Amino acid sequence: MKIVSLANLPERQVSHDPEIKKKVMLEGDDLPHVTNFSQATFGPGQSASPHAHADMVEVFFVETGAGTIRVDGESHPLEVGTCVAVSPGEVHEILNTGSAELVLTYFGVEVGG
């Protein structure tokens, strides 16, 4: 068993965008096939640059705020309660288009092999 609290976790940089901070609740060997289970905070106007994962599905859930996710060039609104699953190879970027923080809880699942 593993129990964690966001309140007690240190902030880390998102690997592809060091300006964006995350708190990692689960990673690596904590859960088979799950690469991470994290929460990221985007300040107003902040964005994650376009990128793709060759061997991972990434799932995002909007906790607070508003924004946009672009997947393969197509924009989709992000609002509280929205869940988006991005498949391997899909180029995606996230933008905070609101005036408050955009908080996403997300996880990655390894596929293939």
Protein backbone atom coordinates (compact mmCIF):
# COMPACT_ATOMS: atom_id res chain seq x y z
CA MET A 1 0.00 0.00 0.00
CA LYS A 2 1.10 3.56 -0.67
CA ILE A 3 -0.64 6.68 0.61
CA VAL A 4 0.35 10.17 -0.50
CA SER A 5 -1.03 13.65 0.02
CA LEU A 6 -0.61 16.50 -2.46
CA ALA A 7 0.01 18.79 0.49
CA ASN A 8 3.19 16.88 1.38
CA LEU A 9 4.66 16.41 -2.10
CA PRO A 10 7.42 18.60 -3.52
CA GLU A 11 6.90 20.41 -6.80
CA ARG A 12 8.87 19.12 -9.80
CA GLN A 13 9.35 20.48 -13.28
CA VAL A 14 7.50 18.93 -16.19
CA SER A 15 10.26 17.36 -18.32
CA HIS A 16 9.30 19.00 -21.61
CA ASP A 17 8.36 22.39 -20.08
CA PRO A 18 10.34 23.27 -16.94
CA GLU A 19 8.19 26.36 -16.27
CA ILE A 20 5.21 24.10 -15.53
CA LYS A 21 5.17 22.50 -12.08
CA LYS A 22 3.73 19.15 -11.09
CA LYS A 23 3.34 16.98 -8.01
CA VAL A 24 3.85 13.28 -8.70
CA MET A 25 1.62 10.99 -6.65
CA LEU A 26 2.61 7.68 -8.30
CA GLU A 27 5.42 6.80 -10.69
CA GLY A 28 7.61 4.02 -12.05
CA ASP A 29 7.09 0.80 -10.15
CA ASP A 30 4.24 2.07 -7.95
CA LEU A 31 1.62 0.70 -10.37
CA PRO A 32 2.27 -1.62 -13.34
CA HIS A 33 2.16 0.13 -16.74
CA VAL A 34 1.41 3.55 -15.19
CA THR A 35 4.26 5.94 -15.93
CA ASN A 36 2.99 8.63 -13.55
CA PHE A 37 -0.08 9.94 -11.76
CA SER A 38 0.42 13.67 -11.24
CA GLN A 39 -1.17 17.06 -10.88
CA ALA A 40 0.11 20.01 -12.94
CA THR A 41 -0.63 23.70 -12.51
CA PHE A 42 -0.55 26.14 -15.44
CA GLY A 43 -0.55 29.86 -14.66
CA PRO A 44 -2.63 32.23 -16.79
CA GLY A 45 -1.21 32.28 -20.32
CA GLN A 46 1.11 29.35 -19.64
CA SER A 47 1.29 26.44 -22.08
CA ALA A 48 2.91 23.06 -22.58
CA SER A 49 4.69 22.91 -25.92
CA PRO A 50 3.55 20.47 -28.61
CA HIS A 51 4.87 16.96 -28.08
CA ALA A 52 3.90 13.30 -28.50
CA HIS A 53 4.63 10.05 -26.71
CA ALA A 54 5.44 7.00 -28.82
CA ASP A 55 4.47 4.38 -26.26
CA MET A 56 2.10 6.05 -23.80
CA VAL A 57 -1.55 7.03 -23.56
CA GLU A 58 -1.89 10.22 -21.52
CA VAL A 59 -5.15 11.05 -19.73
CA PHE A 60 -5.95 14.55 -18.44
CA PHE A 61 -8.74 15.60 -16.06
CA VAL A 62 -9.51 19.29 -15.46
CA GLU A 63 -9.80 20.08 -11.74
CA THR A 64 -10.00 23.89 -11.94
CA GLY A 65 -9.62 26.64 -14.51
CA ALA A 66 -10.12 26.79 -18.25
CA GLY A 67 -7.96 26.20 -21.27
CA THR A 68 -7.50 24.49 -24.59
CA ILE A 69 -5.88 21.25 -25.63
CA ARG A 70 -4.69 20.92 -29.21
CA VAL A 71 -4.40 17.37 -30.49
CA ASP A 72 -2.92 16.95 -33.96
CA GLY A 73 -3.72 20.61 -34.66
CA GLU A 74 -7.39 20.44 -33.60
CA SER A 75 -8.41 22.58 -30.59
CA HIS A 76 -10.73 21.34 -27.86
CA PRO A 77 -11.94 23.32 -24.83
CA LEU A 78 -10.82 22.34 -21.34
CA GLU A 79 -13.21 23.17 -18.52
CA VAL A 80 -13.80 21.76 -15.06
CA GLY A 81 -14.79 18.10 -15.30
CA THR A 82 -13.39 17.52 -18.80
CA CYS A 83 -11.42 14.30 -19.34
CA VAL A 84 -9.21 13.85 -22.42
CA ALA A 85 -7.29 10.72 -23.45
CA VAL A 86 -4.43 11.31 -25.91
CA SER A 87 -3.26 8.26 -27.86
CA PRO A 88 0.38 7.36 -28.61
CA GLY A 89 1.78 9.44 -31.44
CA GLU A 90 -0.81 12.22 -31.19
CA VAL A 91 0.90 15.60 -30.96
CA HIS A 92 -0.67 17.55 -28.12
CA GLU A 93 -0.24 20.85 -26.32
CA ILE A 94 -2.14 22.45 -23.46
CA LEU A 95 -2.81 26.16 -23.06
CA ASN A 96 -4.27 28.03 -20.11
CA THR A 97 -6.64 30.50 -21.78
CA GLY A 98 -8.26 31.67 -18.57
CA SER A 99 -7.41 34.28 -15.97
CA ALA A 100 -6.93 31.77 -13.13
CA GLU A 101 -4.72 28.71 -12.70
CA LEU A 102 -5.52 25.66 -14.82
CA VAL A 103 -5.05 22.53 -12.67
CA LEU A 104 -4.92 19.14 -14.37
CA THR A 105 -4.68 15.73 -12.77
CA TYR A 106 -3.19 13.32 -15.28
CA PHE A 107 -1.62 9.92 -15.75
CA GLY A 108 0.25 7.98 -18.41
CA VAL A 109 -0.18 4.32 -19.30
CA GLU A 110 2.48 2.43 -21.26
CA VAL A 111 1.21 0.62 -24.33
CA GLY A 112 2.84 -1.82 -26.72
CA GLY A 113 6.23 -3.04 -25.94
